[in-house]
Amino acid sequence: MKPVYPGMTIQVRFTVREKVDQEKRTPEDVAKGIVKFLVDVFDETGETVAIATILTMVRKLDQN
């Protein structure tokens, strides 16, 4: 959205937007899900320089 130059300070904010369970395909499969993050990147003036969405597959703590 806006260029960032060497030496500039940026801040990144991750916000969880959605969590989606995935079914086990087999009994031996690991319980997992998809976490959708909104990523906001700000420059030193607080102006937004980038926005992104990241999808991450994660292992669930409860494996039942």
C-alpha atoms as a PDB file:
ATOM      1  CA  MET A   1       0.000   0.000   0.000  1.00  0.00           C
ATOM      2  CA  LYS A   2       2.914   2.307   0.771  1.00  0.00           C
ATOM      3  CA  PRO A   3       6.687   1.877   0.408  1.00  0.00           C
ATOM      4  CA  VAL A   4       8.866   1.165   3.436  1.00  0.00           C
ATOM      5  CA  TYR A   5      12.510   2.250   3.229  1.00  0.00           C
ATOM      6  CA  PRO A   6      15.645   0.935   4.955  1.00  0.00           C
ATOM      7  CA  GLY A   7      16.008   2.317   8.454  1.00  0.00           C
ATOM      8  CA  MET A   8      12.261   2.823   8.972  1.00  0.00           C
ATOM      9  CA  THR A   9      10.589   1.307  12.019  1.00  0.00           C
ATOM     10  CA  ILE A  10       7.512  -0.835  11.431  1.00  0.00           C
ATOM     11  CA  GLN A  11       5.008  -2.537  13.705  1.00  0.00           C
ATOM     12  CA  VAL A  12       3.011  -5.665  12.901  1.00  0.00           C
ATOM     13  CA  ARG A  13      -0.314  -6.634  14.448  1.00  0.00           C
ATOM     14  CA  PHE A  14      -1.720 -10.159  14.040  1.00  0.00           C
ATOM     15  CA  THR A  15      -5.430 -10.672  14.687  1.00  0.00           C
ATOM     16  CA  VAL A  16      -7.058 -14.096  14.646  1.00  0.00           C
ATOM     17  CA  ARG A  17     -10.061 -13.812  12.336  1.00  0.00           C
ATOM     18  CA  GLU A  18     -11.219 -17.400  12.078  1.00  0.00           C
ATOM     19  CA  LYS A  19     -10.480 -20.912  13.332  1.00  0.00           C
ATOM     20  CA  VAL A  20     -11.658 -23.902  11.301  1.00  0.00           C
ATOM     21  CA  ASP A  21     -11.521 -27.495  12.570  1.00  0.00           C
ATOM     22  CA  GLN A  22     -10.305 -30.180  10.193  1.00  0.00           C
ATOM     23  CA  GLU A  23     -11.614 -33.715  10.491  1.00  0.00           C
ATOM     24  CA  LYS A  24      -9.250 -36.615  11.038  1.00  0.00           C
ATOM     25  CA  ARG A  25      -8.989 -38.732   7.884  1.00  0.00           C
ATOM     26  CA  THR A  26      -7.846 -41.801   9.799  1.00  0.00           C
ATOM     27  CA  PRO A  27      -7.779 -42.703  13.515  1.00  0.00           C
ATOM     28  CA  GLU A  28      -3.969 -42.281  13.461  1.00  0.00           C
ATOM     29  CA  ASP A  29      -4.217 -38.781  11.953  1.00  0.00           C
ATOM     30  CA  VAL A  30      -3.297 -35.753  14.094  1.00  0.00           C
ATOM     31  CA  ALA A  31      -6.161 -33.480  15.176  1.00  0.00           C
ATOM     32  CA  LYS A  32      -5.578 -30.126  13.482  1.00  0.00           C
ATOM     33  CA  GLY A  33      -7.226 -26.971  12.246  1.00  0.00           C
ATOM     34  CA  ILE A  34      -6.694 -23.839  10.182  1.00  0.00           C
ATOM     35  CA  VAL A  35      -6.174 -20.424  11.819  1.00  0.00           C
ATOM     36  CA  LYS A  36      -6.784 -17.358   9.636  1.00  0.00           C
ATOM     37  CA  PHE A  37      -4.819 -14.263  10.718  1.00  0.00           C
ATOM     38  CA  LEU A  38      -5.292 -10.683   9.572  1.00  0.00           C
ATOM     39  CA  VAL A  39      -1.877  -8.977   9.450  1.00  0.00           C
ATOM     40  CA  ASP A  40      -1.629  -5.178   9.654  1.00  0.00           C
ATOM     41  CA  VAL A  41       1.753  -3.489   9.104  1.00  0.00           C
ATOM     42  CA  PHE A  42       2.224   0.127  10.239  1.00  0.00           C
ATOM     43  CA  ASP A  43       5.109   2.552   9.714  1.00  0.00           C
ATOM     44  CA  GLU A  44       6.578   4.864  12.348  1.00  0.00           C
ATOM     45  CA  THR A  45       3.837   7.459  11.748  1.00  0.00           C
ATOM     46  CA  GLY A  46       1.101   4.878  12.393  1.00  0.00           C
ATOM     47  CA  GLU A  47       0.066   4.764   8.747  1.00  0.00           C
ATOM     48  CA  THR A  48      -0.863   1.385   7.266  1.00  0.00           C
ATOM     49  CA  VAL A  49       1.772   0.191   4.793  1.00  0.00           C
ATOM     50  CA  ALA A  50       0.543  -3.376   4.209  1.00  0.00           C
ATOM     51  CA  ILE A  51      -2.382  -5.686   4.933  1.00  0.00           C
ATOM     52  CA  ALA A  52      -2.275  -9.452   4.495  1.00  0.00           C
ATOM     53  CA  THR A  53      -4.082 -12.643   5.399  1.00  0.00           C
ATOM     54  CA  ILE A  54      -2.116 -15.669   6.580  1.00  0.00           C
ATOM     55  CA  LEU A  55      -3.538 -19.189   6.819  1.00  0.00           C
ATOM     56  CA  THR A  56      -1.730 -21.511   9.225  1.00  0.00           C
ATOM     57  CA  MET A  57      -2.359 -25.193   9.884  1.00  0.00           C
ATOM     58  CA  VAL A  58      -1.946 -25.948  13.586  1.00  0.00           C
ATOM     59  CA  ARG A  59      -1.997 -29.072  15.737  1.00  0.00           C
ATOM     60  CA  LYS A  60      -4.795 -29.061  18.288  1.00  0.00           C
ATOM     61  CA  LEU A  61      -3.861 -29.435  21.958  1.00  0.00           C
ATOM     62  CA  ASP A  62      -6.737 -31.875  22.556  1.00  0.00           C
ATOM     63  CA  GLN A  63      -6.035 -34.908  20.381  1.00  0.00           C
ATOM     64  CA  ASN A  64      -9.326 -36.697  21.226  1.00  0.00           C
END
